[in-house]
Each structure stands twice: as structure tokens, then as C-alpha cells.
Amino acid sequence: MIVSASHKYLEQILAIERASFPKPWSEYDFQSDFNNKISVNWVYLNNTKVIAYLFGWHVMDEYHLNNIAVHFDFQ
């Protein structure tokens, strides 16, 4: 199921982020994106487990992809 990303998924998002990238976004980076009015962010859930996420900005009629990752077990 795809739902809007929110603070309640942050720990799971951070775990995927840290496992996926040598220079991961920090908790502050994600918090900033949650609070940005142009951010449109999604998570893909399997029950309550975050499998993947997508963070980006909706600007005019475009979507700017800022960050995306998939849990290692589902790649």
C-alpha cells in the first residue's frame, strides 16, 4: 500500500537510508522535507513495514525527485 510519508515512519526510513547510501540523508534532512510546503513524499508499506520511500517537491507542473530507496530485501 502506498501512503503519504509521515513522521511515524521516520525510524524505518532512516534505517533504509543508512543501509542504502554511503552519504545518507540525516534525520534533520528528512524532518526539513516533512515541513517543506512543496514536498510530496510517499512510502510503500507491507502491513506496517516500510519497504520503500520517495521524497520530492511538486513545483508548478513538475515533480522534482529528491530521494528514493528500497529496502535491501525487496530490491
C-alpha atoms as a PDB file:
ATOM      1  CA  MET A   1       0.000   0.000   0.000  1.00  0.00           C
ATOM      2  CA  ILE A   2       1.305   3.464  -0.878  1.00  0.00           C
ATOM      3  CA  VAL A   3       0.622   6.213   1.674  1.00  0.00           C
ATOM      4  CA  SER A   4       1.909   9.682   2.423  1.00  0.00           C
ATOM      5  CA  ALA A   5       5.172   9.639   4.316  1.00  0.00           C
ATOM      6  CA  SER A   6       4.933  10.984   7.836  1.00  0.00           C
ATOM      7  CA  HIS A   7       6.993  11.300  10.996  1.00  0.00           C
ATOM      8  CA  LYS A   8       5.652   7.970  12.274  1.00  0.00           C
ATOM      9  CA  TYR A   9       7.677   6.178   9.571  1.00  0.00           C
ATOM     10  CA  LEU A  10      10.884   8.164  10.115  1.00  0.00           C
ATOM     11  CA  GLU A  11      12.862   5.498  12.006  1.00  0.00           C
ATOM     12  CA  GLN A  12      12.176   2.907   9.300  1.00  0.00           C
ATOM     13  CA  ILE A  13      13.006   5.408   6.556  1.00  0.00           C
ATOM     14  CA  LEU A  14      16.290   6.275   8.284  1.00  0.00           C
ATOM     15  CA  ALA A  15      17.223   2.583   8.586  1.00  0.00           C
ATOM     16  CA  ILE A  16      16.687   2.061   4.843  1.00  0.00           C
ATOM     17  CA  GLU A  17      18.503   5.306   4.032  1.00  0.00           C
ATOM     18  CA  ARG A  18      21.558   4.384   6.114  1.00  0.00           C
ATOM     19  CA  ALA A  19      21.729   0.904   4.589  1.00  0.00           C
ATOM     20  CA  SER A  20      21.352   2.241   1.039  1.00  0.00           C
ATOM     21  CA  PHE A  21      23.781   5.136   0.739  1.00  0.00           C
ATOM     22  CA  PRO A  22      27.385   5.901   1.729  1.00  0.00           C
ATOM     23  CA  LYS A  23      26.363   9.515   2.461  1.00  0.00           C
ATOM     24  CA  PRO A  24      22.779   9.178   3.733  1.00  0.00           C
ATOM     25  CA  TRP A  25      20.380  11.984   4.459  1.00  0.00           C
ATOM     26  CA  SER A  26      20.305  12.879   8.133  1.00  0.00           C
ATOM     27  CA  GLU A  27      17.240  12.886  10.351  1.00  0.00           C
ATOM     28  CA  TYR A  28      17.335  16.681  10.031  1.00  0.00           C
ATOM     29  CA  ASP A  29      17.167  16.396   6.213  1.00  0.00           C
ATOM     30  CA  PHE A  30      14.040  14.257   6.397  1.00  0.00           C
ATOM     31  CA  GLN A  31      12.462  16.485   9.050  1.00  0.00           C
ATOM     32  CA  SER A  32      13.092  19.515   6.847  1.00  0.00           C
ATOM     33  CA  ASP A  33      11.442  17.814   3.910  1.00  0.00           C
ATOM     34  CA  PHE A  34       8.403  16.838   6.006  1.00  0.00           C
ATOM     35  CA  ASN A  35       7.990  20.523   6.907  1.00  0.00           C
ATOM     36  CA  ASN A  36       8.500  21.891   3.392  1.00  0.00           C
ATOM     37  CA  LYS A  37       5.188  23.014   1.881  1.00  0.00           C
ATOM     38  CA  ILE A  38       6.137  21.865  -1.624  1.00  0.00           C
ATOM     39  CA  SER A  39       7.210  18.375  -0.507  1.00  0.00           C
ATOM     40  CA  VAL A  40       5.164  15.414  -1.681  1.00  0.00           C
ATOM     41  CA  ASN A  41       6.526  12.270  -0.029  1.00  0.00           C
ATOM     42  CA  TRP A  42       5.370   8.658  -0.133  1.00  0.00           C
ATOM     43  CA  VAL A  43       6.145   5.316   1.484  1.00  0.00           C
ATOM     44  CA  TYR A  44       5.299   1.836   0.271  1.00  0.00           C
ATOM     45  CA  LEU A  45       4.109  -0.355   3.149  1.00  0.00           C
ATOM     46  CA  ASN A  46       3.842  -4.093   3.589  1.00  0.00           C
ATOM     47  CA  ASN A  47       1.435  -4.168   6.545  1.00  0.00           C
ATOM     48  CA  THR A  48       3.192  -1.583   8.771  1.00  0.00           C
ATOM     49  CA  LYS A  49       6.727  -2.131   7.467  1.00  0.00           C
ATOM     50  CA  VAL A  50       8.247   0.490   5.161  1.00  0.00           C
ATOM     51  CA  ILE A  51       9.554  -1.238   2.041  1.00  0.00           C
ATOM     52  CA  ALA A  52      10.411   1.876   0.010  1.00  0.00           C
ATOM     53  CA  TYR A  53      10.119   5.652   0.055  1.00  0.00           C
ATOM     54  CA  LEU A  54      10.138   8.552  -2.348  1.00  0.00           C
ATOM     55  CA  PHE A  55      10.725  12.185  -1.399  1.00  0.00           C
ATOM     56  CA  GLY A  56      10.322  15.071  -3.785  1.00  0.00           C
ATOM     57  CA  TRP A  57       8.937  18.517  -4.461  1.00  0.00           C
ATOM     58  CA  HIS A  58       5.903  19.467  -6.504  1.00  0.00           C
ATOM     59  CA  VAL A  59       6.882  22.667  -8.321  1.00  0.00           C
ATOM     60  CA  MET A  60       4.482  24.190 -10.829  1.00  0.00           C
ATOM     61  CA  ASP A  61       3.539  21.221 -13.013  1.00  0.00           C
ATOM     62  CA  GLU A  62       6.660  19.165 -12.326  1.00  0.00           C
ATOM     63  CA  TYR A  63       7.805  16.696  -9.685  1.00  0.00           C
ATOM     64  CA  HIS A  64      11.446  17.017  -8.595  1.00  0.00           C
ATOM     65  CA  LEU A  65      12.706  13.719  -7.172  1.00  0.00           C
ATOM     66  CA  ASN A  66      14.971  14.335  -4.171  1.00  0.00           C
ATOM     67  CA  ASN A  67      15.433  10.893  -2.647  1.00  0.00           C
ATOM     68  CA  ILE A  68      14.294   7.337  -3.290  1.00  0.00           C
ATOM     69  CA  ALA A  69      15.271   3.965  -1.840  1.00  0.00           C
ATOM     70  CA  VAL A  70      14.013   0.399  -1.490  1.00  0.00           C
ATOM     71  CA  HIS A  71      14.687  -1.911   1.455  1.00  0.00           C
ATOM     72  CA  PHE A  72      17.524  -4.292   0.554  1.00  0.00           C
ATOM     73  CA  ASP A  73      15.362  -7.412   0.990  1.00  0.00           C
ATOM     74  CA  PHE A  74      12.977  -6.164  -1.716  1.00  0.00           C
ATOM     75  CA  GLN A  75      15.400  -4.899  -4.349  1.00  0.00           C
END
